[in-house]
Amino acid sequence: MEDFLKSTGREFCDITLMLGNEAIRAHKAVLAARCTYFEAMFRSFMPETNTVTVSYC
């Protein structure tokens, strides 16, 4: 099931999250609905490249 979910629907993704060297395709609406950080980011500005670099510790 996990492989299926990872392999389908990528053509509908509208944002790429960069975590180090790994690119993760995602949906802005889902991120904004689940995380106030992303909601605020997408309401205030949107990068021209539709790529967001995420730093983690």
C-alpha atoms as a PDB file:
ATOM      1  CA  MET A   1       0.000   0.000   0.000  1.00  0.00           C
ATOM      2  CA  GLU A   2       2.815   2.412   0.885  1.00  0.00           C
ATOM      3  CA  ASP A   3       4.473   1.838  -2.501  1.00  0.00           C
ATOM      4  CA  PHE A   4       1.160   2.466  -4.254  1.00  0.00           C
ATOM      5  CA  LEU A   5       0.607   5.749  -2.441  1.00  0.00           C
ATOM      6  CA  LYS A   6       4.134   6.909  -3.219  1.00  0.00           C
ATOM      7  CA  SER A   7       3.827   6.079  -6.917  1.00  0.00           C
ATOM      8  CA  THR A   8       0.428   7.609  -7.725  1.00  0.00           C
ATOM      9  CA  GLY A   9      -0.759  11.170  -7.947  1.00  0.00           C
ATOM     10  CA  ARG A  10       2.620  12.827  -8.371  1.00  0.00           C
ATOM     11  CA  GLU A  11       1.439  14.605 -11.504  1.00  0.00           C
ATOM     12  CA  PHE A  12      -0.959  16.580  -9.296  1.00  0.00           C
ATOM     13  CA  CYS A  13       1.690  17.752  -6.811  1.00  0.00           C
ATOM     14  CA  ASP A  14       2.216  21.501  -6.868  1.00  0.00           C
ATOM     15  CA  ILE A  15       5.142  22.020  -4.484  1.00  0.00           C
ATOM     16  CA  THR A  16       8.528  20.413  -3.894  1.00  0.00           C
ATOM     17  CA  LEU A  17      10.022  20.241  -0.407  1.00  0.00           C
ATOM     18  CA  MET A  18      13.803  19.967  -0.286  1.00  0.00           C
ATOM     19  CA  LEU A  19      15.144  18.140   2.770  1.00  0.00           C
ATOM     20  CA  GLY A  20      18.892  18.108   2.349  1.00  0.00           C
ATOM     21  CA  ASN A  21      19.449  16.474  -1.049  1.00  0.00           C
ATOM     22  CA  GLU A  22      16.056  14.744  -1.096  1.00  0.00           C
ATOM     23  CA  ALA A  23      13.166  16.229  -3.082  1.00  0.00           C
ATOM     24  CA  ILE A  24       9.675  15.421  -1.808  1.00  0.00           C
ATOM     25  CA  ARG A  25       6.696  16.288  -4.011  1.00  0.00           C
ATOM     26  CA  ALA A  26       3.602  17.431  -2.115  1.00  0.00           C
ATOM     27  CA  HIS A  27       0.288  19.260  -2.278  1.00  0.00           C
ATOM     28  CA  LYS A  28       0.148  22.822  -0.931  1.00  0.00           C
ATOM     29  CA  ALA A  29      -3.488  22.436   0.133  1.00  0.00           C
ATOM     30  CA  VAL A  30      -2.714  19.368   2.243  1.00  0.00           C
ATOM     31  CA  LEU A  31       0.348  20.972   3.841  1.00  0.00           C
ATOM     32  CA  ALA A  32      -1.578  24.175   4.613  1.00  0.00           C
ATOM     33  CA  ALA A  33      -4.534  22.260   6.052  1.00  0.00           C
ATOM     34  CA  ARG A  34      -2.332  20.230   8.394  1.00  0.00           C
ATOM     35  CA  CYS A  35       0.354  22.747   9.380  1.00  0.00           C
ATOM     36  CA  THR A  36      -0.066  26.399  10.355  1.00  0.00           C
ATOM     37  CA  TYR A  37       3.556  27.075   9.348  1.00  0.00           C
ATOM     38  CA  PHE A  38       2.876  26.113   5.735  1.00  0.00           C
ATOM     39  CA  GLU A  39      -0.525  27.835   5.757  1.00  0.00           C
ATOM     40  CA  ALA A  40       1.113  31.119   6.764  1.00  0.00           C
ATOM     41  CA  MET A  41       3.906  30.636   4.230  1.00  0.00           C
ATOM     42  CA  PHE A  42       1.569  29.978   1.314  1.00  0.00           C
ATOM     43  CA  ARG A  43      -0.710  32.887   2.268  1.00  0.00           C
ATOM     44  CA  SER A  44       2.147  35.401   2.536  1.00  0.00           C
ATOM     45  CA  PHE A  45       4.316  34.416  -0.433  1.00  0.00           C
ATOM     46  CA  MET A  46       4.978  31.642  -2.875  1.00  0.00           C
ATOM     47  CA  PRO A  47       8.438  30.948  -4.250  1.00  0.00           C
ATOM     48  CA  GLU A  48       8.630  31.356  -8.035  1.00  0.00           C
ATOM     49  CA  THR A  49      10.205  27.924  -8.375  1.00  0.00           C
ATOM     50  CA  ASN A  50       7.489  26.223  -6.277  1.00  0.00           C
ATOM     51  CA  THR A  51      10.317  24.770  -4.204  1.00  0.00           C
ATOM     52  CA  VAL A  52      10.608  25.182  -0.441  1.00  0.00           C
ATOM     53  CA  THR A  53      13.815  24.284   1.376  1.00  0.00           C
ATOM     54  CA  VAL A  54      13.103  22.796   4.792  1.00  0.00           C
ATOM     55  CA  SER A  55      15.842  22.855   7.430  1.00  0.00           C
ATOM     56  CA  TYR A  56      15.745  20.340  10.229  1.00  0.00           C
ATOM     57  CA  CYS A  57      17.924  19.612  13.226  1.00  0.00           C
END
